[in-house]
Amino acid sequence: MINYSIMQAEGILLITPSSPLSKEDFNSLNADVDVYLSKHARLHGIMIHAQKFPGWEGFGAFTAHMHFVREHHKQVERIAVVTDSPLAGIGELLAKHFTSAEVQHFPFALAHNL
């Protein structure tokens, strides 16, 4: 499950996955981001905040995730991945191949100290 909100004034999408990601999660996220982007040229940032990566429910969820990335990657300036997951480094490297956004990893504990 993905919990998310769009900070309208700042143009930042906050994403907090709490359990394996589903196809329906990305359908909802896609629709809400499209509404935002219909009124704004881009998202200034996406912050993904999760102590660990929960994975996907199945292949359909994974493909929905890739569809979301493909449809929106040119409209995102920066991506912050706030996690202690060992996959963060790999994800950061992979993301740089799929998006022109600046991608940075931050330790999960850092976000709780702000």
PDB file of N, CA and C in Angstrom:
ATOM      1  N   MET A   1       0.842  -1.181   0.000  1.00  0.00           N
ATOM      2  CA  MET A   1       0.000   0.000   0.000  1.00  0.00           C
ATOM      3  C   MET A   1       0.882   1.238   0.000  1.00  0.00           C
ATOM      4  N   ILE A   2       0.494   2.218  -0.810  1.00  0.00           N
ATOM      5  CA  ILE A   2       1.193   3.491  -0.876  1.00  0.00           C
ATOM      6  C   ILE A   2       0.311   4.561  -0.244  1.00  0.00           C
ATOM      7  N   ASN A   3       0.852   5.225   0.758  1.00  0.00           N
ATOM      8  CA  ASN A   3       0.226   6.428   1.293  1.00  0.00           C
ATOM      9  C   ASN A   3       0.973   7.589   0.641  1.00  0.00           C
ATOM     10  N   TYR A   4       0.247   8.577   0.164  1.00  0.00           N
ATOM     11  CA  TYR A   4       0.913   9.688  -0.498  1.00  0.00           C
ATOM     12  C   TYR A   4       0.099  10.957  -0.353  1.00  0.00           C
ATOM     13  N   SER A   5       0.786  12.071  -0.541  1.00  0.00           N
ATOM     14  CA  SER A   5       0.122  13.367  -0.597  1.00  0.00           C
ATOM     15  C   SER A   5       0.965  14.271  -1.481  1.00  0.00           C
ATOM     16  N   ILE A   6       0.312  15.246  -2.060  1.00  0.00           N
ATOM     17  CA  ILE A   6       1.016  16.223  -2.880  1.00  0.00           C
ATOM     18  C   ILE A   6       0.960  17.549  -2.135  1.00  0.00           C
ATOM     19  N   MET A   7       2.127  18.066  -1.801  1.00  0.00           N
ATOM     20  CA  MET A   7       2.223  19.390  -1.190  1.00  0.00           C
ATOM     21  C   MET A   7       2.047  20.382  -2.336  1.00  0.00           C
ATOM     22  N   GLN A   8       0.834  20.879  -2.487  1.00  0.00           N
ATOM     23  CA  GLN A   8       0.458  21.672  -3.659  1.00  0.00           C
ATOM     24  C   GLN A   8       1.347  22.895  -3.859  1.00  0.00           C
ATOM     25  N   ALA A   9       1.529  23.705  -2.828  1.00  0.00           N
ATOM     26  CA  ALA A   9       2.286  24.947  -2.971  1.00  0.00           C
ATOM     27  C   ALA A   9       3.757  24.681  -3.301  1.00  0.00           C
ATOM     28  N   GLU A  10       4.315  23.613  -2.723  1.00  0.00           N
ATOM     29  CA  GLU A  10       5.726  23.294  -2.922  1.00  0.00           C
ATOM     30  C   GLU A  10       5.979  22.434  -4.147  1.00  0.00           C
ATOM     31  N   GLY A  11       4.945  21.773  -4.629  1.00  0.00           N
ATOM     32  CA  GLY A  11       5.091  20.887  -5.775  1.00  0.00           C
ATOM     33  C   GLY A  11       5.887  19.640  -5.448  1.00  0.00           C
ATOM     34  N   ILE A  12       5.662  19.106  -4.250  1.00  0.00           N
ATOM     35  CA  ILE A  12       6.397  17.916  -3.808  1.00  0.00           C
ATOM     36  C   ILE A  12       5.425  16.784  -3.520  1.00  0.00           C
ATOM     37  N   LEU A  13       5.711  15.629  -4.086  1.00  0.00           N
ATOM     38  CA  LEU A  13       4.932  14.415  -3.855  1.00  0.00           C
ATOM     39  C   LEU A  13       5.611  13.622  -2.750  1.00  0.00           C
ATOM     40  N   LEU A  14       4.904  13.388  -1.648  1.00  0.00           N
ATOM     41  CA  LEU A  14       5.414  12.588  -0.538  1.00  0.00           C
ATOM     42  C   LEU A  14       4.818  11.188  -0.638  1.00  0.00           C
ATOM     43  N   ILE A  15       5.674  10.186  -0.668  1.00  0.00           N
ATOM     44  CA  ILE A  15       5.224   8.796  -0.799  1.00  0.00           C
ATOM     45  C   ILE A  15       5.756   8.000   0.383  1.00  0.00           C
ATOM     46  N   THR A  16       4.838   7.280   1.062  1.00  0.00           N
ATOM     47  CA  THR A  16       5.228   6.425   2.173  1.00  0.00           C
ATOM     48  C   THR A  16       4.610   5.045   1.950  1.00  0.00           C
ATOM     49  N   PRO A  17       5.371   4.111   1.378  1.00  0.00           N
ATOM     50  CA  PRO A  17       4.833   2.758   1.210  1.00  0.00           C
ATOM     51  C   PRO A  17       4.825   2.039   2.557  1.00  0.00           C
ATOM     52  N   SER A  18       3.727   1.318   2.834  1.00  0.00           N
ATOM     53  CA  SER A  18       3.605   0.654   4.135  1.00  0.00           C
ATOM     54  C   SER A  18       3.471  -0.857   4.032  1.00  0.00           C
ATOM     55  N   SER A  19       3.213  -1.355   2.852  1.00  0.00           N
ATOM     56  CA  SER A  19       3.107  -2.795   2.622  1.00  0.00           C
ATOM     57  C   SER A  19       3.356  -3.016   1.132  1.00  0.00           C
ATOM     58  N   PRO A  20       3.434  -4.271   0.673  1.00  0.00           N
ATOM     59  CA  PRO A  20       3.715  -4.500  -0.748  1.00  0.00           C
ATOM     60  C   PRO A  20       2.828  -3.649  -1.665  1.00  0.00           C
ATOM     61  N   LEU A  21       3.464  -3.076  -2.665  1.00  0.00           N
ATOM     62  CA  LEU A  21       2.795  -2.158  -3.575  1.00  0.00           C
ATOM     63  C   LEU A  21       1.886  -2.914  -4.536  1.00  0.00           C
ATOM     64  N   SER A  22       0.716  -2.329  -4.794  1.00  0.00           N
ATOM     65  CA  SER A  22      -0.259  -2.986  -5.672  1.00  0.00           C
ATOM     66  C   SER A  22      -0.462  -2.171  -6.946  1.00  0.00           C
ATOM     67  N   LYS A  23      -1.043  -2.825  -7.920  1.00  0.00           N
ATOM     68  CA  LYS A  23      -1.394  -2.160  -9.181  1.00  0.00           C
ATOM     69  C   LYS A  23      -2.362  -1.007  -8.906  1.00  0.00           C
ATOM     70  N   GLU A  24      -3.308  -1.225  -8.002  1.00  0.00           N
ATOM     71  CA  GLU A  24      -4.294  -0.208  -7.656  1.00  0.00           C
ATOM     72  C   GLU A  24      -3.635   1.016  -7.025  1.00  0.00           C
ATOM     73  N   ASP A  25      -2.570   0.805  -6.226  1.00  0.00           N
ATOM     74  CA  ASP A  25      -1.833   1.930  -5.651  1.00  0.00           C
ATOM     75  C   ASP A  25      -1.357   2.862  -6.752  1.00  0.00           C
ATOM     76  N   PHE A  26      -0.787   2.293  -7.795  1.00  0.00           N
ATOM     77  CA  PHE A  26      -0.237   3.105  -8.880  1.00  0.00           C
ATOM     78  C   PHE A  26      -1.327   3.712  -9.740  1.00  0.00           C
ATOM     79  N   ASN A  27      -2.480   3.042  -9.856  1.00  0.00           N
ATOM     80  CA  ASN A  27      -3.601   3.635 -10.588  1.00  0.00           C
ATOM     81  C   ASN A  27      -4.055   4.917  -9.900  1.00  0.00           C
ATOM     82  N   SER A  28      -4.203   4.880  -8.574  1.00  0.00           N
ATOM     83  CA  SER A  28      -4.619   6.064  -7.808  1.00  0.00           C
ATOM     84  C   SER A  28      -3.551   7.150  -7.859  1.00  0.00           C
ATOM     85  N   LEU A  29      -2.304   6.760  -7.628  1.00  0.00           N
ATOM     86  CA  LEU A  29      -1.197   7.716  -7.652  1.00  0.00           C
ATOM     87  C   LEU A  29      -1.098   8.388  -9.019  1.00  0.00           C
ATOM     88  N   ASN A  30      -1.181   7.605 -10.064  1.00  0.00           N
ATOM     89  CA  ASN A  30      -1.115   8.118 -11.425  1.00  0.00           C
ATOM     90  C   ASN A  30      -2.203   9.158 -11.667  1.00  0.00           C
ATOM     91  N   ALA A  31      -3.429   8.853 -11.269  1.00  0.00           N
ATOM     92  CA  ALA A  31      -4.549   9.764 -11.491  1.00  0.00           C
ATOM     93  C   ALA A  31      -4.348  11.080 -10.750  1.00  0.00           C
ATOM     94  N   ASP A  32      -3.939  11.028  -9.490  1.00  0.00           N
ATOM     95  CA  ASP A  32      -3.758  12.246  -8.707  1.00  0.00           C
ATOM     96  C   ASP A  32      -2.581  13.084  -9.203  1.00  0.00           C
ATOM     97  N   VAL A  33      -1.506  12.435  -9.594  1.00  0.00           N
ATOM     98  CA  VAL A  33      -0.356  13.168 -10.126  1.00  0.00           C
ATOM     99  C   VAL A  33      -0.735  13.807 -11.464  1.00  0.00           C
ATOM    100  N   ASP A  34      -1.501  13.117 -12.290  1.00  0.00           N
ATOM    101  CA  ASP A  34      -1.940  13.693 -13.563  1.00  0.00           C
ATOM    102  C   ASP A  34      -2.806  14.932 -13.348  1.00  0.00           C
ATOM    103  N   VAL A  35      -3.671  14.915 -12.335  1.00  0.00           N
ATOM    104  CA  VAL A  35      -4.487  16.095 -12.027  1.00  0.00           C
ATOM    105  C   VAL A  35      -3.575  17.258 -11.639  1.00  0.00           C
ATOM    106  N   TYR A  36      -2.598  16.992 -10.770  1.00  0.00           N
ATOM    107  CA  TYR A  36      -1.655  18.043 -10.372  1.00  0.00           C
ATOM    108  C   TYR A  36      -0.905  18.586 -11.600  1.00  0.00           C
ATOM    109  N   LEU A  37      -0.408  17.693 -12.432  1.00  0.00           N
ATOM    110  CA  LEU A  37       0.383  18.109 -13.590  1.00  0.00           C
ATOM    111  C   LEU A  37      -0.453  18.786 -14.670  1.00  0.00           C
ATOM    112  N   SER A  38      -1.757  18.621 -14.633  1.00  0.00           N
ATOM    113  CA  SER A  38      -2.599  19.340 -15.585  1.00  0.00           C
ATOM    114  C   SER A  38      -2.642  20.829 -15.265  1.00  0.00           C
ATOM    115  N   LYS A  39      -2.270  21.188 -14.032  1.00  0.00           N
ATOM    116  CA  LYS A  39      -2.277  22.588 -13.595  1.00  0.00           C
ATOM    117  C   LYS A  39      -0.874  23.145 -13.377  1.00  0.00           C
ATOM    118  N   HIS A  40       0.138  22.283 -13.359  1.00  0.00           N
ATOM    119  CA  HIS A  40       1.520  22.688 -13.100  1.00  0.00           C
ATOM    120  C   HIS A  40       2.431  22.004 -14.119  1.00  0.00           C
ATOM    121  N   ALA A  41       3.509  22.667 -14.454  1.00  0.00           N
ATOM    122  CA  ALA A  41       4.420  22.131 -15.471  1.00  0.00           C
ATOM    123  C   ALA A  41       5.170  20.894 -14.981  1.00  0.00           C
ATOM    124  N   ARG A  42       5.461  20.840 -13.667  1.00  0.00           N
ATOM    125  CA  ARG A  42       6.251  19.716 -13.161  1.00  0.00           C
ATOM    126  C   ARG A  42       6.124  19.587 -11.667  1.00  0.00           C
ATOM    127  N   LEU A  43       6.590  18.466 -11.170  1.00  0.00           N
ATOM    128  CA  LEU A  43       6.774  18.267  -9.730  1.00  0.00           C
ATOM    129  C   LEU A  43       8.195  18.706  -9.408  1.00  0.00           C
ATOM    130  N   HIS A  44       8.347  19.521  -8.391  1.00  0.00           N
ATOM    131  CA  HIS A  44       9.690  19.947  -8.000  1.00  0.00           C
ATOM    132  C   HIS A  44      10.433  18.811  -7.313  1.00  0.00           C
ATOM    133  N   GLY A  45       9.682  17.893  -6.734  1.00  0.00           N
ATOM    134  CA  GLY A  45      10.349  16.776  -6.092  1.00  0.00           C
ATOM    135  C   GLY A  45       9.397  15.660  -5.709  1.00  0.00           C
ATOM    136  N   ILE A  46       9.999  14.487  -5.525  1.00  0.00           N
ATOM    137  CA  ILE A  46       9.309  13.333  -4.959  1.00  0.00           C
ATOM    138  C   ILE A  46      10.168  12.878  -3.792  1.00  0.00           C
ATOM    139  N   MET A  47       9.544  12.678  -2.641  1.00  0.00           N
ATOM    140  CA  MET A  47      10.254  12.121  -1.499  1.00  0.00           C
ATOM    141  C   MET A  47       9.603  10.785  -1.146  1.00  0.00           C
ATOM    142  N   ILE A  48      10.405   9.734  -1.240  1.00  0.00           N
ATOM    143  CA  ILE A  48       9.953   8.395  -0.886  1.00  0.00           C
ATOM    144  C   ILE A  48      10.526   8.099   0.494  1.00  0.00           C
ATOM    145  N   HIS A  49       9.651   7.858   1.461  1.00  0.00           N
ATOM    146  CA  HIS A  49      10.057   7.718   2.857  1.00  0.00           C
ATOM    147  C   HIS A  49       9.600   6.346   3.368  1.00  0.00           C
ATOM    148  N   ALA A  50      10.557   5.435   3.540  1.00  0.00           N
ATOM    149  CA  ALA A  50      10.227   4.086   4.021  1.00  0.00           C
ATOM    150  C   ALA A  50      11.459   3.476   4.666  1.00  0.00           C
ATOM    151  N   GLN A  51      11.315   2.942   5.859  1.00  0.00           N
ATOM    152  CA  GLN A  51      12.472   2.340   6.516  1.00  0.00           C
ATOM    153  C   GLN A  51      13.054   1.213   5.677  1.00  0.00           C
ATOM    154  N   LYS A  52      12.159   0.428   5.058  1.00  0.00           N
ATOM    155  CA  LYS A  52      12.611  -0.626   4.148  1.00  0.00           C
ATOM    156  C   LYS A  52      11.649  -0.686   2.971  1.00  0.00           C
ATOM    157  N   PHE A  53      12.126  -1.221   1.861  1.00  0.00           N
ATOM    158  CA  PHE A  53      11.287  -1.341   0.669  1.00  0.00           C
ATOM    159  C   PHE A  53      10.358  -2.542   0.825  1.00  0.00           C
ATOM    160  N   PRO A  54       9.039  -2.338   0.689  1.00  0.00           N
ATOM    161  CA  PRO A  54       8.094  -3.438   0.919  1.00  0.00           C
ATOM    162  C   PRO A  54       7.903  -4.383  -0.263  1.00  0.00           C
ATOM    163  N   GLY A  55       8.447  -4.063  -1.428  1.00  0.00           N
ATOM    164  CA  GLY A  55       8.263  -4.915  -2.605  1.00  0.00           C
ATOM    165  C   GLY A  55       6.929  -4.670  -3.283  1.00  0.00           C
ATOM    166  N   TRP A  56       6.610  -5.527  -4.237  1.00  0.00           N
ATOM    167  CA  TRP A  56       5.366  -5.426  -5.001  1.00  0.00           C
ATOM    168  C   TRP A  56       4.515  -6.660  -4.734  1.00  0.00           C
ATOM    169  N   GLU A  57       3.204  -6.512  -4.884  1.00  0.00           N
ATOM    170  CA  GLU A  57       2.295  -7.647  -4.717  1.00  0.00           C
ATOM    171  C   GLU A  57       2.484  -8.686  -5.815  1.00  0.00           C
ATOM    172  N   GLY A  58       2.892  -8.254  -6.977  1.00  0.00           N
ATOM    173  CA  GLY A  58       3.077  -9.165  -8.104  1.00  0.00           C
ATOM    174  C   GLY A  58       3.593  -8.420  -9.313  1.00  0.00           C
ATOM    175  N   PHE A  59       3.677  -9.141 -10.411  1.00  0.00           N
ATOM    176  CA  PHE A  59       4.219  -8.559 -11.637  1.00  0.00           C
ATOM    177  C   PHE A  59       3.369  -7.400 -12.150  1.00  0.00           C
ATOM    178  N   GLY A  60       2.048  -7.488 -11.973  1.00  0.00           N
ATOM    179  CA  GLY A  60       1.160  -6.398 -12.397  1.00  0.00           C
ATOM    180  C   GLY A  60       1.468  -5.109 -11.666  1.00  0.00           C
ATOM    181  N   ALA A  61       1.788  -5.206 -10.393  1.00  0.00           N
ATOM    182  CA  ALA A  61       2.150  -4.021  -9.606  1.00  0.00           C
ATOM    183  C   ALA A  61       3.486  -3.459 -10.083  1.00  0.00           C
ATOM    184  N   PHE A  62       4.432  -4.342 -10.365  1.00  0.00           N
ATOM    185  CA  PHE A  62       5.734  -3.900 -10.866  1.00  0.00           C
ATOM    186  C   PHE A  62       5.575  -3.170 -12.196  1.00  0.00           C
ATOM    187  N   THR A  63       4.773  -3.713 -13.112  1.00  0.00           N
ATOM    188  CA  THR A  63       4.597  -3.062 -14.414  1.00  0.00           C
ATOM    189  C   THR A  63       3.843  -1.738 -14.266  1.00  0.00           C
ATOM    190  N   ALA A  64       2.898  -1.660 -13.324  1.00  0.00           N
ATOM    191  CA  ALA A  64       2.202  -0.395 -13.072  1.00  0.00           C
ATOM    192  C   ALA A  64       3.187   0.647 -12.539  1.00  0.00           C
ATOM    193  N   HIS A  65       4.133   0.231 -11.716  1.00  0.00           N
ATOM    194  CA  HIS A  65       5.170   1.114 -11.197  1.00  0.00           C
ATOM    195  C   HIS A  65       6.029   1.640 -12.351  1.00  0.00           C
ATOM    196  N   MET A  66       6.461   0.743 -13.229  1.00  0.00           N
ATOM    197  CA  MET A  66       7.285   1.156 -14.365  1.00  0.00           C
ATOM    198  C   MET A  66       6.514   2.084 -15.300  1.00  0.00           C
ATOM    199  N   HIS A  67       5.219   1.845 -15.463  1.00  0.00           N
ATOM    200  CA  HIS A  67       4.374   2.716 -16.284  1.00  0.00           C
ATOM    201  C   HIS A  67       4.330   4.122 -15.669  1.00  0.00           C
ATOM    202  N   PHE A  68       4.153   4.195 -14.349  1.00  0.00           N
ATOM    203  CA  PHE A  68       4.143   5.495 -13.666  1.00  0.00           C
ATOM    204  C   PHE A  68       5.456   6.237 -13.906  1.00  0.00           C
ATOM    205  N   VAL A  69       6.568   5.551 -13.766  1.00  0.00           N
ATOM    206  CA  VAL A  69       7.886   6.166 -13.983  1.00  0.00           C
ATOM    207  C   VAL A  69       8.007   6.654 -15.420  1.00  0.00           C
ATOM    208  N   ARG A  70       7.654   5.806 -16.369  1.00  0.00           N
ATOM    209  CA  ARG A  70       7.765   6.164 -17.786  1.00  0.00           C
ATOM    210  C   ARG A  70       6.910   7.378 -18.137  1.00  0.00           C
ATOM    211  N   GLU A  71       5.725   7.465 -17.581  1.00  0.00           N
ATOM    212  CA  GLU A  71       4.802   8.557 -17.909  1.00  0.00           C
ATOM    213  C   GLU A  71       5.176   9.884 -17.251  1.00  0.00           C
ATOM    214  N   HIS A  72       5.928   9.849 -16.154  1.00  0.00           N
ATOM    215  CA  HIS A  72       6.158  11.080 -15.391  1.00  0.00           C
ATOM    216  C   HIS A  72       7.621  11.490 -15.224  1.00  0.00           C
ATOM    217  N   HIS A  73       8.551  10.677 -15.645  1.00  0.00           N
ATOM    218  CA  HIS A  73       9.954  10.934 -15.327  1.00  0.00           C
ATOM    219  C   HIS A  73      10.475  12.273 -15.855  1.00  0.00           C
ATOM    220  N   LYS A  74       9.941  12.774 -16.926  1.00  0.00           N
ATOM    221  CA  LYS A  74      10.420  14.040 -17.481  1.00  0.00           C
ATOM    222  C   LYS A  74       9.840  15.249 -16.759  1.00  0.00           C
ATOM    223  N   GLN A  75       8.885  15.023 -15.877  1.00  0.00           N
ATOM    224  CA  GLN A  75       8.210  16.121 -15.187  1.00  0.00           C
ATOM    225  C   GLN A  75       8.598  16.198 -13.705  1.00  0.00           C
ATOM    226  N   VAL A  76       9.687  15.551 -13.331  1.00  0.00           N
ATOM    227  CA  VAL A  76      10.149  15.545 -11.939  1.00  0.00           C
ATOM    228  C   VAL A  76      11.575  16.092 -11.890  1.00  0.00           C
ATOM    229  N   GLU A  77      11.808  17.087 -11.028  1.00  0.00           N
ATOM    230  CA  GLU A  77      13.135  17.685 -10.907  1.00  0.00           C
ATOM    231  C   GLU A  77      14.073  16.868 -10.022  1.00  0.00           C
ATOM    232  N   ARG A  78      13.581  16.461  -8.847  1.00  0.00           N
ATOM    233  CA  ARG A  78      14.432  15.768  -7.870  1.00  0.00           C
ATOM    234  C   ARG A  78      13.675  14.622  -7.224  1.00  0.00           C
ATOM    235  N   ILE A  79      14.442  13.609  -6.820  1.00  0.00           N
ATOM    236  CA  ILE A  79      13.871  12.478  -6.087  1.00  0.00           C
ATOM    237  C   ILE A  79      14.752  12.233  -4.865  1.00  0.00           C
ATOM    238  N   ALA A  80      14.136  12.221  -3.695  1.00  0.00           N
ATOM    239  CA  ALA A  80      14.832  11.890  -2.453  1.00  0.00           C
ATOM    240  C   ALA A  80      14.309  10.544  -1.965  1.00  0.00           C
ATOM    241  N   VAL A  81      15.209   9.608  -1.769  1.00  0.00           N
ATOM    242  CA  VAL A  81      14.852   8.283  -1.263  1.00  0.00           C
ATOM    243  C   VAL A  81      15.364   8.219   0.175  1.00  0.00           C
ATOM    244  N   VAL A  82      14.439   8.245   1.119  1.00  0.00           N
ATOM    245  CA  VAL A  82      14.779   8.264   2.540  1.00  0.00           C
ATOM    246  C   VAL A  82      14.481   6.875   3.097  1.00  0.00           C
ATOM    247  N   THR A  83      15.554   6.084   3.253  1.00  0.00           N
ATOM    248  CA  THR A  83      15.374   4.692   3.661  1.00  0.00           C
ATOM    249  C   THR A  83      16.680   4.122   4.185  1.00  0.00           C
ATOM    250  N   ASP A  84      16.549   3.043   4.934  1.00  0.00           N
ATOM    251  CA  ASP A  84      17.711   2.274   5.367  1.00  0.00           C
ATOM    252  C   ASP A  84      17.817   0.971   4.579  1.00  0.00           C
ATOM    253  N   SER A  85      16.974   0.795   3.607  1.00  0.00           N
ATOM    254  CA  SER A  85      16.971  -0.419   2.794  1.00  0.00           C
ATOM    255  C   SER A  85      18.296  -0.572   2.051  1.00  0.00           C
ATOM    256  N   PRO A  86      18.854  -1.781   2.076  1.00  0.00           N
ATOM    257  CA  PRO A  86      20.079  -2.006   1.308  1.00  0.00           C
ATOM    258  C   PRO A  86      19.862  -1.872  -0.205  1.00  0.00           C
ATOM    259  N   LEU A  87      18.616  -1.891  -0.642  1.00  0.00           N
ATOM    260  CA  LEU A  87      18.302  -1.726  -2.060  1.00  0.00           C
ATOM    261  C   LEU A  87      18.396  -0.272  -2.516  1.00  0.00           C
ATOM    262  N   ALA A  88      18.538   0.658  -1.580  1.00  0.00           N
ATOM    263  CA  ALA A  88      18.543   2.077  -1.928  1.00  0.00           C
ATOM    264  C   ALA A  88      19.666   2.427  -2.890  1.00  0.00           C
ATOM    265  N   GLY A  89      20.838   1.909  -2.660  1.00  0.00           N
ATOM    266  CA  GLY A  89      21.964   2.203  -3.547  1.00  0.00           C
ATOM    267  C   GLY A  89      21.726   1.697  -4.951  1.00  0.00           C
ATOM    268  N   ILE A  90      21.196   0.497  -5.056  1.00  0.00           N
ATOM    269  CA  ILE A  90      20.882  -0.075  -6.363  1.00  0.00           C
ATOM    270  C   ILE A  90      19.763   0.724  -7.014  1.00  0.00           C
ATOM    271  N   GLY A  91      18.751   1.063  -6.226  1.00  0.00           N
ATOM    272  CA  GLY A  91      17.637   1.847  -6.755  1.00  0.00           C
ATOM    273  C   GLY A  91      18.071   3.207  -7.252  1.00  0.00           C
ATOM    274  N   GLU A  92      19.007   3.830  -6.529  1.00  0.00           N
ATOM    275  CA  GLU A  92      19.514   5.134  -6.939  1.00  0.00           C
ATOM    276  C   GLU A  92      20.238   5.028  -8.276  1.00  0.00           C
ATOM    277  N   LEU A  93      21.056   3.998  -8.441  1.00  0.00           N
ATOM    278  CA  LEU A  93      21.768   3.802  -9.706  1.00  0.00           C
ATOM    279  C   LEU A  93      20.807   3.514 -10.853  1.00  0.00           C
ATOM    280  N   LEU A  94      19.824   2.654 -10.606  1.00  0.00           N
ATOM    281  CA  LEU A  94      18.843   2.329 -11.648  1.00  0.00           C
ATOM    282  C   LEU A  94      18.008   3.546 -12.028  1.00  0.00           C
ATOM    283  N   ALA A  95      17.595   4.316 -11.018  1.00  0.00           N
ATOM    284  CA  ALA A  95      16.753   5.485 -11.283  1.00  0.00           C
ATOM    285  C   ALA A  95      17.456   6.475 -12.198  1.00  0.00           C
ATOM    286  N   LYS A  96      18.758   6.576 -12.067  1.00  0.00           N
ATOM    287  CA  LYS A  96      19.505   7.517 -12.905  1.00  0.00           C
ATOM    288  C   LYS A  96      19.451   7.128 -14.386  1.00  0.00           C
ATOM    289  N   HIS A  97      19.127   5.874 -14.682  1.00  0.00           N
ATOM    290  CA  HIS A  97      18.992   5.426 -16.069  1.00  0.00           C
ATOM    291  C   HIS A  97      17.587   5.654 -16.617  1.00  0.00           C
ATOM    292  N   PHE A  98      16.606   5.840 -15.721  1.00  0.00           N
ATOM    293  CA  PHE A  98      15.218   5.959 -16.146  1.00  0.00           C
ATOM    294  C   PHE A  98      14.651   7.361 -16.001  1.00  0.00           C
ATOM    295  N   THR A  99      15.413   8.269 -15.397  1.00  0.00           N
ATOM    296  CA  THR A  99      14.901   9.610 -15.183  1.00  0.00           C
ATOM    297  C   THR A  99      16.027  10.627 -15.295  1.00  0.00           C
ATOM    298  N   SER A 100      15.668  11.837 -15.673  1.00  0.00           N
ATOM    299  CA  SER A 100      16.659  12.907 -15.700  1.00  0.00           C
ATOM    300  C   SER A 100      16.671  13.662 -14.377  1.00  0.00           C
ATOM    301  N   ALA A 101      15.809  13.277 -13.450  1.00  0.00           N
ATOM    302  CA  ALA A 101      15.745  13.927 -12.141  1.00  0.00           C
ATOM    303  C   ALA A 101      17.015  13.646 -11.342  1.00  0.00           C
ATOM    304  N   GLU A 102      17.370  14.595 -10.498  1.00  0.00           N
ATOM    305  CA  GLU A 102      18.469  14.397  -9.561  1.00  0.00           C
ATOM    306  C   GLU A 102      17.966  13.428  -8.485  1.00  0.00           C
ATOM    307  N   VAL A 103      18.686  12.343  -8.260  1.00  0.00           N
ATOM    308  CA  VAL A 103      18.271  11.321  -7.299  1.00  0.00           C
ATOM    309  C   VAL A 103      19.293  11.261  -6.167  1.00  0.00           C
ATOM    310  N   GLN A 104      18.799  11.340  -4.927  1.00  0.00           N
ATOM    311  CA  GLN A 104      19.677  11.245  -3.771  1.00  0.00           C
ATOM    312  C   GLN A 104      19.075  10.332  -2.726  1.00  0.00           C
ATOM    313  N   HIS A 105      19.959   9.620  -2.026  1.00  0.00           N
ATOM    314  CA  HIS A 105      19.570   8.728  -0.940  1.00  0.00           C
ATOM    315  C   HIS A 105      19.927   9.382   0.390  1.00  0.00           C
ATOM    316  N   PHE A 106      19.028   9.274   1.360  1.00  0.00           N
ATOM    317  CA  PHE A 106      19.253   9.784   2.706  1.00  0.00           C
ATOM    318  C   PHE A 106      18.900   8.695   3.707  1.00  0.00           C
ATOM    319  N   PRO A 107      19.628   8.600   4.833  1.00  0.00           N
ATOM    320  CA  PRO A 107      19.302   7.611   5.858  1.00  0.00           C
ATOM    321  C   PRO A 107      17.919   7.897   6.470  1.00  0.00           C
ATOM    322  N   PHE A 108      17.202   6.861   6.793  1.00  0.00           N
ATOM    323  CA  PHE A 108      15.847   6.972   7.339  1.00  0.00           C
ATOM    324  C   PHE A 108      15.857   7.794   8.630  1.00  0.00           C
ATOM    325  N   ALA A 109      16.823   7.573   9.497  1.00  0.00           N
ATOM    326  CA  ALA A 109      16.881   8.267  10.783  1.00  0.00           C
ATOM    327  C   ALA A 109      17.022   9.777  10.602  1.00  0.00           C
ATOM    328  N   LEU A 110      17.633  10.216   9.508  1.00  0.00           N
ATOM    329  CA  LEU A 110      17.823  11.639   9.261  1.00  0.00           C
ATOM    330  C   LEU A 110      16.489  12.361   9.216  1.00  0.00           C
ATOM    331  N   ALA A 111      15.493  11.756   8.602  1.00  0.00           N
ATOM    332  CA  ALA A 111      14.181  12.395   8.464  1.00  0.00           C
ATOM    333  C   ALA A 111      13.496  12.568   9.812  1.00  0.00           C
ATOM    334  N   HIS A 112      13.793  11.706  10.759  1.00  0.00           N
ATOM    335  CA  HIS A 112      13.173  11.812  12.082  1.00  0.00           C
ATOM    336  C   HIS A 112      13.865  12.839  12.957  1.00  0.00           C
ATOM    337  N   ASN A 113      15.042  13.298  12.559  1.00  0.00           N
ATOM    338  CA  ASN A 113      15.777  14.290  13.323  1.00  0.00           C
ATOM    339  C   ASN A 113      15.489  15.719  12.846  1.00  0.00           C
ATOM    340  N   LEU A 114      14.710  15.849  11.794  1.00  0.00           N
ATOM    341  CA  LEU A 114      14.428  17.191  11.255  1.00  0.00           C
ATOM    342  C   LEU A 114      13.341  17.879  12.028  1.00  0.00           C
TER     343      LEU A 114
END
